[in-house]
C-alpha atoms as a PDB file:
ATOM      1  CA  MET A   1     148.496  84.440 108.019  1.00  0.00           C
ATOM      2  CA  ALA A   2     145.145  83.780 109.394  1.00  0.00           C
ATOM      3  CA  ALA A   3     142.030  85.209 108.099  1.00  0.00           C
ATOM      4  CA  ARG A   4     140.560  88.374 109.966  1.00  0.00           C
ATOM      5  CA  SER A   5     137.844  87.199 112.253  1.00  0.00           C
ATOM      6  CA  ASP A   6     136.420  90.534 112.330  1.00  0.00           C
ATOM      7  CA  ALA A   7     135.973  90.941 108.637  1.00  0.00           C
ATOM      8  CA  PRO A   8     132.562  92.245 107.653  1.00  0.00           C
ATOM      9  CA  PRO A   9     129.990  89.712 106.630  1.00  0.00           C
ATOM     10  CA  ARG A  10     129.135  88.917 103.126  1.00  0.00           C
ATOM     11  CA  PRO A  11     125.608  90.011 102.133  1.00  0.00           C
ATOM     12  CA  ARG A  12     123.287  87.429 102.272  1.00  0.00           C
ATOM     13  CA  ALA A  13     121.662  86.325  99.116  1.00  0.00           C
ATOM     14  CA  PRO A  14     117.992  86.691  99.114  1.00  0.00           C
ATOM     15  CA  VAL A  15     115.784  83.468  99.227  1.00  0.00           C
ATOM     16  CA  PRO A  16     114.106  83.286  95.691  1.00  0.00           C
ATOM     17  CA  VAL A  17     110.261  83.673  95.746  1.00  0.00           C
ATOM     18  CA  VAL A  18     107.831  81.414  93.613  1.00  0.00           C
ATOM     19  CA  LEU A  19     104.297  82.756  93.158  1.00  0.00           C
ATOM     20  CA  VAL A  20     101.229  80.512  92.466  1.00  0.00           C
ATOM     21  CA  HIS A  21      97.865  81.857  90.871  1.00  0.00           C
ATOM     22  CA  GLY A  22      94.344  81.339  91.849  1.00  0.00           C
ATOM     23  CA  SER A  23      91.983  79.249  90.037  1.00  0.00           C
ATOM     24  CA  ARG A  24      90.662  80.384  86.451  1.00  0.00           C
ATOM     25  CA  THR A  25      93.442  83.047  86.479  1.00  0.00           C
ATOM     26  CA  SER A  26      97.304  82.858  85.590  1.00  0.00           C
ATOM     27  CA  ALA A  27     100.769  83.951  86.495  1.00  0.00           C
ATOM     28  CA  THR A  28     100.110  87.522  85.344  1.00  0.00           C
ATOM     29  CA  MET A  29      98.055  88.237  88.403  1.00  0.00           C
ATOM     30  CA  TRP A  30     101.429  88.776  90.211  1.00  0.00           C
ATOM     31  CA  ARG A  31     102.807  91.439  88.079  1.00  0.00           C
ATOM     32  CA  ARG A  32     103.060  94.142  90.912  1.00  0.00           C
ATOM     33  CA  GLN A  33     104.429  91.521  93.239  1.00  0.00           C
ATOM     34  CA  LEU A  34     107.127  90.510  90.620  1.00  0.00           C
ATOM     35  CA  GLU A  35     107.952  94.112  90.088  1.00  0.00           C
ATOM     36  CA  ALA A  36     108.688  94.916  93.805  1.00  0.00           C
ATOM     37  CA  LEU A  37     110.595  91.814  94.279  1.00  0.00           C
ATOM     38  CA  GLY A  38     112.677  92.626  91.441  1.00  0.00           C
ATOM     39  CA  ARG A  39     113.211  96.184  92.889  1.00  0.00           C
ATOM     40  CA  ALA A  40     114.453  94.222  96.011  1.00  0.00           C
ATOM     41  CA  GLY A  41     116.785  92.401  94.332  1.00  0.00           C
ATOM     42  CA  VAL A  42     114.927  89.156  95.041  1.00  0.00           C
ATOM     43  CA  PRO A  43     114.875  86.150  92.176  1.00  0.00           C
ATOM     44  CA  ALA A  44     111.316  85.266  91.569  1.00  0.00           C
ATOM     45  CA  VAL A  45     108.987  83.580  89.000  1.00  0.00           C
ATOM     46  CA  ALA A  46     105.215  83.270  88.752  1.00  0.00           C
ATOM     47  CA  THR A  47     104.201  79.978  87.358  1.00  0.00           C
ATOM     48  CA  ASP A  48     101.060  78.888  85.440  1.00  0.00           C
ATOM     49  CA  LEU A  49      99.416  75.644  86.753  1.00  0.00           C
ATOM     50  CA  PRO A  50      98.132  72.973  84.354  1.00  0.00           C
ATOM     51  CA  GLY A  51      94.882  74.149  82.755  1.00  0.00           C
ATOM     52  CA  HIS A  52      95.385  77.731  83.174  1.00  0.00           C
ATOM     53  CA  GLY A  53      97.240  80.668  81.429  1.00  0.00           C
ATOM     54  CA  ALA A  54      99.672  79.062  78.860  1.00  0.00           C
ATOM     55  CA  ARG A  55      98.641  75.873  79.863  1.00  0.00           C
ATOM     56  CA  ARG A  56      94.891  76.304  79.221  1.00  0.00           C
ATOM     57  CA  GLY A  57      94.087  73.003  77.372  1.00  0.00           C
ATOM     58  CA  GLU A  58      95.866  70.640  79.776  1.00  0.00           C
ATOM     59  CA  PRO A  59      93.680  68.983  82.403  1.00  0.00           C
ATOM     60  CA  PHE A  60      94.027  70.606  85.932  1.00  0.00           C
ATOM     61  CA  THR A  61      95.420  67.657  88.385  1.00  0.00           C
ATOM     62  CA  LEU A  62      96.656  68.561  92.056  1.00  0.00           C
ATOM     63  CA  ASP A  63      99.805  66.202  91.219  1.00  0.00           C
ATOM     64  CA  GLY A  64     100.593  68.355  87.958  1.00  0.00           C
ATOM     65  CA  ALA A  65     100.137  71.614  89.945  1.00  0.00           C
ATOM     66  CA  VAL A  66     102.678  70.497  92.651  1.00  0.00           C
ATOM     67  CA  ASP A  67     104.879  69.483  89.926  1.00  0.00           C
ATOM     68  CA  ALA A  68     104.674  72.952  88.380  1.00  0.00           C
ATOM     69  CA  VAL A  69     105.706  74.440  91.682  1.00  0.00           C
ATOM     70  CA  HIS A  70     108.530  71.846  92.162  1.00  0.00           C
ATOM     71  CA  ASP A  71     109.944  72.658  88.695  1.00  0.00           C
ATOM     72  CA  ALA A  72     109.709  76.278  89.418  1.00  0.00           C
ATOM     73  CA  VAL A  73     111.624  75.922  92.556  1.00  0.00           C
ATOM     74  CA  GLU A  74     114.118  73.747  90.904  1.00  0.00           C
ATOM     75  CA  GLY A  75     114.611  76.506  88.284  1.00  0.00           C
ATOM     76  CA  LEU A  76     115.448  78.978  90.952  1.00  0.00           C
ATOM     77  CA  GLY A  77     118.109  76.547  92.698  1.00  0.00           C
ATOM     78  CA  GLY A  78     116.128  74.029  94.402  1.00  0.00           C
ATOM     79  CA  ARG A  79     114.624  75.953  97.659  1.00  0.00           C
ATOM     80  CA  ALA A  80     112.265  79.084  97.713  1.00  0.00           C
ATOM     81  CA  LEU A  81     109.626  80.838  99.652  1.00  0.00           C
ATOM     82  CA  VAL A  82     106.381  79.922  97.745  1.00  0.00           C
ATOM     83  CA  ALA A  83     103.423  82.080  97.930  1.00  0.00           C
ATOM     84  CA  GLY A  84     100.070  81.175  96.849  1.00  0.00           C
ATOM     85  CA  LEU A  85      96.497  82.620  96.516  1.00  0.00           C
ATOM     86  CA  SER A  86      93.366  80.797  96.973  1.00  0.00           C
ATOM     87  CA  LEU A  87      94.016  77.702  94.637  1.00  0.00           C
ATOM     88  CA  GLY A  88      97.787  78.477  94.611  1.00  0.00           C
ATOM     89  CA  GLY A  89      97.964  78.593  98.396  1.00  0.00           C
ATOM     90  CA  TYR A  90      96.281  75.022  98.525  1.00  0.00           C
ATOM     91  CA  VAL A  91      98.750  73.947  95.879  1.00  0.00           C
ATOM     92  CA  ALA A  92     101.454  75.574  97.911  1.00  0.00           C
ATOM     93  CA  ILE A  93     100.501  74.043 101.259  1.00  0.00           C
ATOM     94  CA  GLU A  94     100.648  70.623  99.321  1.00  0.00           C
ATOM     95  CA  HIS A  95     103.876  71.105  97.779  1.00  0.00           C
ATOM     96  CA  ARG A  96     105.289  71.964 101.132  1.00  0.00           C
ATOM     97  CA  ALA A  97     104.016  68.757 102.538  1.00  0.00           C
ATOM     98  CA  ARG A  98     105.501  66.842  99.702  1.00  0.00           C
ATOM     99  CA  HIS A  99     108.715  68.533  99.057  1.00  0.00           C
ATOM    100  CA  PRO A 100     109.709  70.015 102.480  1.00  0.00           C
ATOM    101  CA  GLU A 101     113.460  70.234 101.301  1.00  0.00           C
ATOM    102  CA  GLN A 102     112.321  72.649  98.554  1.00  0.00           C
ATOM    103  CA  SER A 103     110.452  74.863 101.250  1.00  0.00           C
ATOM    104  CA  ALA A 104     112.163  77.556 102.748  1.00  0.00           C
ATOM    105  CA  GLY A 105     108.754  79.043 103.597  1.00  0.00           C
ATOM    106  CA  LEU A 106     104.989  79.549 102.598  1.00  0.00           C
ATOM    107  CA  VAL A 107     102.916  82.218 102.247  1.00  0.00           C
ATOM    108  CA  ALA A 108      99.366  81.071 101.977  1.00  0.00           C
ATOM    109  CA  ALA A 109      96.774  83.589 101.062  1.00  0.00           C
ATOM    110  CA  SER A 110      93.035  83.520 100.976  1.00  0.00           C
ATOM    111  CA  CYS A 111      92.933  79.705 101.470  1.00  0.00           C
ATOM    112  CA  CYS A 112      92.026  79.042 105.406  1.00  0.00           C
ATOM    113  CA  THR A 113      89.032  77.001 104.791  1.00  0.00           C
ATOM    114  CA  GLU A 114      89.486  73.460 104.227  1.00  0.00           C
ATOM    115  CA  SER A 115      89.034  72.027 100.601  1.00  0.00           C
ATOM    116  CA  SER A 116      86.977  69.164 102.031  1.00  0.00           C
ATOM    117  CA  SER A 117      84.411  71.788 103.233  1.00  0.00           C
ATOM    118  CA  SER A 118      80.670  70.361 103.298  1.00  0.00           C
ATOM    119  CA  LEU A 119      79.864  73.225 100.901  1.00  0.00           C
ATOM    120  CA  ARG A 120      82.143  71.547  98.229  1.00  0.00           C
ATOM    121  CA  PRO A 121      79.055  69.613  96.368  1.00  0.00           C
ATOM    122  CA  ALA A 122      77.307  72.835  96.279  1.00  0.00           C
ATOM    123  CA  TRP A 123      80.227  74.482  94.690  1.00  0.00           C
ATOM    124  CA  LEU A 124      80.890  71.826  92.189  1.00  0.00           C
ATOM    125  CA  SER A 125      77.290  71.757  91.018  1.00  0.00           C
ATOM    126  CA  LEU A 126      77.496  75.485  90.438  1.00  0.00           C
ATOM    127  CA  ALA A 127      80.534  75.399  88.673  1.00  0.00           C
ATOM    128  CA  ARG A 128      79.485  72.439  86.166  1.00  0.00           C
ATOM    129  CA  TRP A 129      76.377  74.590  85.606  1.00  0.00           C
ATOM    130  CA  ILE A 130      78.132  77.836  84.543  1.00  0.00           C
ATOM    131  CA  GLU A 131      80.735  75.878  82.549  1.00  0.00           C
ATOM    132  CA  GLY A 132      77.669  74.507  80.855  1.00  0.00           C
ATOM    133  CA  TRP A 133      76.615  77.999  79.423  1.00  0.00           C
ATOM    134  CA  PRO A 134      77.327  78.835  75.934  1.00  0.00           C
ATOM    135  CA  ASP A 135      80.027  81.426  77.189  1.00  0.00           C
ATOM    136  CA  HIS A 136      81.233  79.227  79.866  1.00  0.00           C
ATOM    137  CA  GLY A 137      80.405  82.150  82.174  1.00  0.00           C
ATOM    138  CA  ALA A 138      82.576  84.708  80.605  1.00  0.00           C
ATOM    139  CA  ARG A 139      80.297  87.652  80.820  1.00  0.00           C
ATOM    140  CA  LEU A 140      79.642  86.723  84.615  1.00  0.00           C
ATOM    141  CA  ASN A 141      83.210  86.426  85.260  1.00  0.00           C
ATOM    142  CA  ASP A 142      83.810  89.688  83.646  1.00  0.00           C
ATOM    143  CA  ALA A 143      81.120  91.554  85.630  1.00  0.00           C
ATOM    144  CA  VAL A 144      82.322  90.085  88.955  1.00  0.00           C
ATOM    145  CA  VAL A 145      85.814  91.236  88.227  1.00  0.00           C
ATOM    146  CA  ARG A 146      84.823  94.827  87.308  1.00  0.00           C
ATOM    147  CA  LEU A 147      82.991  94.997  90.739  1.00  0.00           C
ATOM    148  CA  ALA A 148      85.851  93.427  92.606  1.00  0.00           C
ATOM    149  CA  LEU A 149      88.806  95.202  91.417  1.00  0.00           C
ATOM    150  CA  ASP A 150      90.079  98.491  90.010  1.00  0.00           C
ATOM    151  CA  ALA A 151      91.112  98.850  86.320  1.00  0.00           C
ATOM    152  CA  GLU A 152      94.870  97.979  86.847  1.00  0.00           C
ATOM    153  CA  GLY A 153      94.007  94.799  88.993  1.00  0.00           C
ATOM    154  CA  ALA A 154      91.550  93.537  86.754  1.00  0.00           C
ATOM    155  CA  GLY A 155      93.973  94.015  83.967  1.00  0.00           C
ATOM    156  CA  ASP A 156      96.721  91.957  85.533  1.00  0.00           C
ATOM    157  CA  LEU A 157      94.220  89.190  86.786  1.00  0.00           C
ATOM    158  CA  GLY A 158      92.961  89.001  82.996  1.00  0.00           C
ATOM    159  CA  ALA A 159      96.007  89.285  80.773  1.00  0.00           C
ATOM    160  CA  GLY A 160      96.880  85.752  80.775  1.00  0.00           C
ATOM    161  CA  GLY A 161      93.311  84.720  79.794  1.00  0.00           C
ATOM    162  CA  TYR A 162      90.651  83.003  82.085  1.00  0.00           C
ATOM    163  CA  ALA A 163      90.236  79.119  82.382  1.00  0.00           C
ATOM    164  CA  LEU A 164      86.661  79.381  82.348  1.00  0.00           C
ATOM    165  CA  THR A 165      86.262  75.394  82.454  1.00  0.00           C
ATOM    166  CA  ALA A 166      88.832  74.603  84.893  1.00  0.00           C
ATOM    167  CA  MET A 167      86.708  75.047  88.238  1.00  0.00           C
ATOM    168  CA  ALA A 168      85.113  71.877  88.055  1.00  0.00           C
ATOM    169  CA  GLU A 169      88.239  70.017  87.877  1.00  0.00           C
ATOM    170  CA  VAL A 170      89.919  72.008  90.650  1.00  0.00           C
ATOM    171  CA  LEU A 171      87.326  71.286  93.083  1.00  0.00           C
ATOM    172  CA  ARG A 172      87.097  67.584  92.111  1.00  0.00           C
ATOM    173  CA  GLU A 173      90.945  67.517  92.598  1.00  0.00           C
ATOM    174  CA  LEU A 174      91.271  69.419  95.990  1.00  0.00           C
ATOM    175  CA  GLY A 175      88.116  67.651  97.578  1.00  0.00           C
ATOM    176  CA  PRO A 176      89.997  64.803  98.799  1.00  0.00           C
ATOM    177  CA  THR A 177      92.972  66.538 100.217  1.00  0.00           C
ATOM    178  CA  ASP A 178      93.824  66.974 103.956  1.00  0.00           C
ATOM    179  CA  THR A 179      94.835  70.405 104.091  1.00  0.00           C
ATOM    180  CA  LEU A 180      95.391  70.538 107.924  1.00  0.00           C
ATOM    181  CA  GLY A 181      97.539  67.422 107.712  1.00  0.00           C
ATOM    182  CA  ALA A 182      99.623  68.726 105.195  1.00  0.00           C
ATOM    183  CA  LEU A 183     100.132  71.919 106.878  1.00  0.00           C
ATOM    184  CA  ALA A 184     101.417  69.857 109.906  1.00  0.00           C
ATOM    185  CA  ALA A 185     103.711  67.701 107.678  1.00  0.00           C
ATOM    186  CA  ALA A 186     106.533  70.260 107.318  1.00  0.00           C
ATOM    187  CA  ARG A 187     108.309  72.711 109.667  1.00  0.00           C
ATOM    188  CA  SER A 188     109.282  75.495 107.383  1.00  0.00           C
ATOM    189  CA  PRO A 189     107.690  78.943 108.467  1.00  0.00           C
ATOM    190  CA  VAL A 190     104.038  79.945 107.243  1.00  0.00           C
ATOM    191  CA  TRP A 191     102.660  83.127 106.924  1.00  0.00           C
ATOM    192  CA  PHE A 192      98.781  83.154 106.410  1.00  0.00           C
ATOM    193  CA  VAL A 193      97.430  86.219 104.616  1.00  0.00           C
ATOM    194  CA  ASN A 194      93.947  87.056 104.459  1.00  0.00           C
ATOM    195  CA  GLY A 195      91.615  90.035 103.452  1.00  0.00           C
ATOM    196  CA  ARG A 196      89.684  91.310 106.246  1.00  0.00           C
ATOM    197  CA  TYR A 197      86.245  90.394 104.102  1.00  0.00           C
ATOM    198  CA  ASP A 198      87.507  87.372 102.720  1.00  0.00           C
ATOM    199  CA  HIS A 199      84.815  84.390 102.988  1.00  0.00           C
ATOM    200  CA  PHE A 200      87.884  81.652 102.898  1.00  0.00           C
ATOM    201  CA  ARG A 201      89.042  83.006 106.201  1.00  0.00           C
ATOM    202  CA  ALA A 202      86.565  80.964 108.314  1.00  0.00           C
ATOM    203  CA  GLN A 203      89.221  78.442 109.635  1.00  0.00           C
ATOM    204  CA  GLU A 204      92.208  80.449 109.952  1.00  0.00           C
ATOM    205  CA  ARG A 205      92.713  79.720 113.779  1.00  0.00           C
ATOM    206  CA  ALA A 206      92.743  76.116 112.851  1.00  0.00           C
ATOM    207  CA  PHE A 207      95.008  76.479 109.979  1.00  0.00           C
ATOM    208  CA  VAL A 208      97.413  78.306 112.428  1.00  0.00           C
ATOM    209  CA  ALA A 209      97.263  75.835 114.903  1.00  0.00           C
ATOM    210  CA  ALA A 210      97.828  73.089 112.477  1.00  0.00           C
ATOM    211  CA  ALA A 211     101.132  74.610 111.061  1.00  0.00           C
ATOM    212  CA  ARG A 212     102.407  75.062 114.518  1.00  0.00           C
ATOM    213  CA  ALA A 213     101.543  71.421 115.512  1.00  0.00           C
ATOM    214  CA  GLY A 214     104.133  70.396 113.230  1.00  0.00           C
ATOM    215  CA  GLY A 215     106.599  72.512 114.412  1.00  0.00           C
ATOM    216  CA  ALA A 216     106.639  75.478 112.278  1.00  0.00           C
ATOM    217  CA  ALA A 217     106.463  79.135 112.999  1.00  0.00           C
ATOM    218  CA  ALA A 218     103.065  80.323 111.757  1.00  0.00           C
ATOM    219  CA  ARG A 219     102.050  83.960 111.596  1.00  0.00           C
ATOM    220  CA  LEU A 220      98.530  85.316 110.773  1.00  0.00           C
ATOM    221  CA  VAL A 221      98.164  88.696 108.987  1.00  0.00           C
ATOM    222  CA  VAL A 222      94.729  90.290 108.141  1.00  0.00           C
ATOM    223  CA  VAL A 223      94.672  93.058 105.791  1.00  0.00           C
ATOM    224  CA  PRO A 224      92.230  95.606 106.536  1.00  0.00           C
ATOM    225  CA  HIS A 225      89.412  96.379 103.799  1.00  0.00           C
ATOM    226  CA  ALA A 226      90.527  93.797 101.546  1.00  0.00           C
ATOM    227  CA  ARG A 227      88.395  90.945 100.228  1.00  0.00           C
ATOM    228  CA  HIS A 228      89.484  87.234  98.756  1.00  0.00           C
ATOM    229  CA  LEU A 229      91.732  88.676  96.185  1.00  0.00           C
ATOM    230  CA  VAL A 230      94.022  90.576  98.478  1.00  0.00           C
ATOM    231  CA  SER A 231      97.179  90.702  96.424  1.00  0.00           C
ATOM    232  CA  LEU A 232      95.130  92.560  93.736  1.00  0.00           C
ATOM    233  CA  ASP A 233      92.420  94.038  96.286  1.00  0.00           C
ATOM    234  CA  ALA A 234      95.335  95.542  98.581  1.00  0.00           C
ATOM    235  CA  PRO A 235      98.693  95.151  96.707  1.00  0.00           C
ATOM    236  CA  VAL A 236     100.793  97.591  98.686  1.00  0.00           C
ATOM    237  CA  ALA A 237      99.858  95.830 102.234  1.00  0.00           C
ATOM    238  CA  PHE A 238      99.967  92.351 100.396  1.00  0.00           C
ATOM    239  CA  THR A 239     103.521  92.949  98.917  1.00  0.00           C
ATOM    240  CA  ARG A 240     104.525  94.516 102.091  1.00  0.00           C
ATOM    241  CA  ALA A 241     103.688  91.299 103.858  1.00  0.00           C
ATOM    242  CA  LEU A 242     105.429  89.016 101.285  1.00  0.00           C
ATOM    243  CA  LEU A 243     108.456  90.974 101.351  1.00  0.00           C
ATOM    244  CA  GLU A 244     108.753  90.820 105.142  1.00  0.00           C
ATOM    245  CA  ALA A 245     108.265  86.764 104.971  1.00  0.00           C
ATOM    246  CA  GLU A 246     111.044  86.992 102.321  1.00  0.00           C
ATOM    247  CA  THR A 247     113.509  89.161 104.794  1.00  0.00           C
ATOM    248  CA  VAL A 248     112.526  86.609 107.684  1.00  0.00           C
ATOM    249  CA  VAL A 249     113.445  83.641 105.678  1.00  0.00           C
ATOM    250  CA  THR A 250     116.533  84.943 104.207  1.00  0.00           C
ATOM    251  CA  SER A 251     117.678  85.503 107.528  1.00  0.00           C
ATOM    252  CA  GLU A 252     116.889  82.089 109.036  1.00  0.00           C
ATOM    253  CA  GLU A 253     118.275  80.261 105.995  1.00  0.00           C
ATOM    254  CA  ALA A 254     121.490  82.175 106.414  1.00  0.00           C
ATOM    255  CA  ALA A 255     121.564  81.264 110.117  1.00  0.00           C
ATOM    256  CA  VAL A 256     121.153  77.719 109.318  1.00  0.00           C
ATOM    257  CA  GLY A 257     123.886  77.719 106.811  1.00  0.00           C
ATOM    258  CA  ALA A 258     126.270  79.522 108.963  1.00  0.00           C
ATOM    259  CA  SER A 259     125.636  77.117 111.945  1.00  0.00           C
ATOM    260  CA  PRO A 260     128.761  74.460 112.315  1.00  0.00           C
ATOM    261  CA  ALA A 261     126.420  71.686 111.621  1.00  0.00           C
ATOM    262  CA  HIS A 262     125.890  72.777 108.296  1.00  0.00           C
ATOM    263  CA  ARG A 263     129.623  73.995 107.216  1.00  0.00           C
END
């Protein structure tokens, strides 16, 4: 007997999500997003980059960071939506360019300024100076976090400890990268999510254009009232954008899998 053609479709399996933290922080900054993804039934993991979190003491390298994302995606089945903030956004962009077969989509938050910015030498000098202080800038870091975030956000940000001596390594590693070229190197959809008052959104139009130049659908989400740490500063709005991206990616992946060419 032939199978009924009007049988209800099987539920789509959600595309997994990999979350990549910012510089000097760790995977713990994503607690609220992991909880929301779990409630939505979406498999997700937040990974520590070299030199950060559980991997403090290791040198930070861009190759090692991309490998960490690669391994996290492999652990979730080999294809995922990768979301990163600040440093994590730059690493996620590079991962998508190097491993397009793993990228179902990209959420790049708070990283719409080229890492080769003319300001990088000044940032590098400042990072080296602060890292040379007796406390490596711990008191300054704590004061900035208290001013920037509420108690819950600050707790999540610092729960995995701070990599207070990693910033100079990060700046050295990211400096030579071509972020716009990397965005144009793959076709999976991209969401750029920035806080309205983020100082890193200076080139967001160029970033959107670079992704589209490579054939990707690219969207820009600007979160009102939020600043650089948008996922912590406006967690509800950021998580909504992340879940919407996951829903779109899941639908697109299901459509590709259902096409005759992929059966």
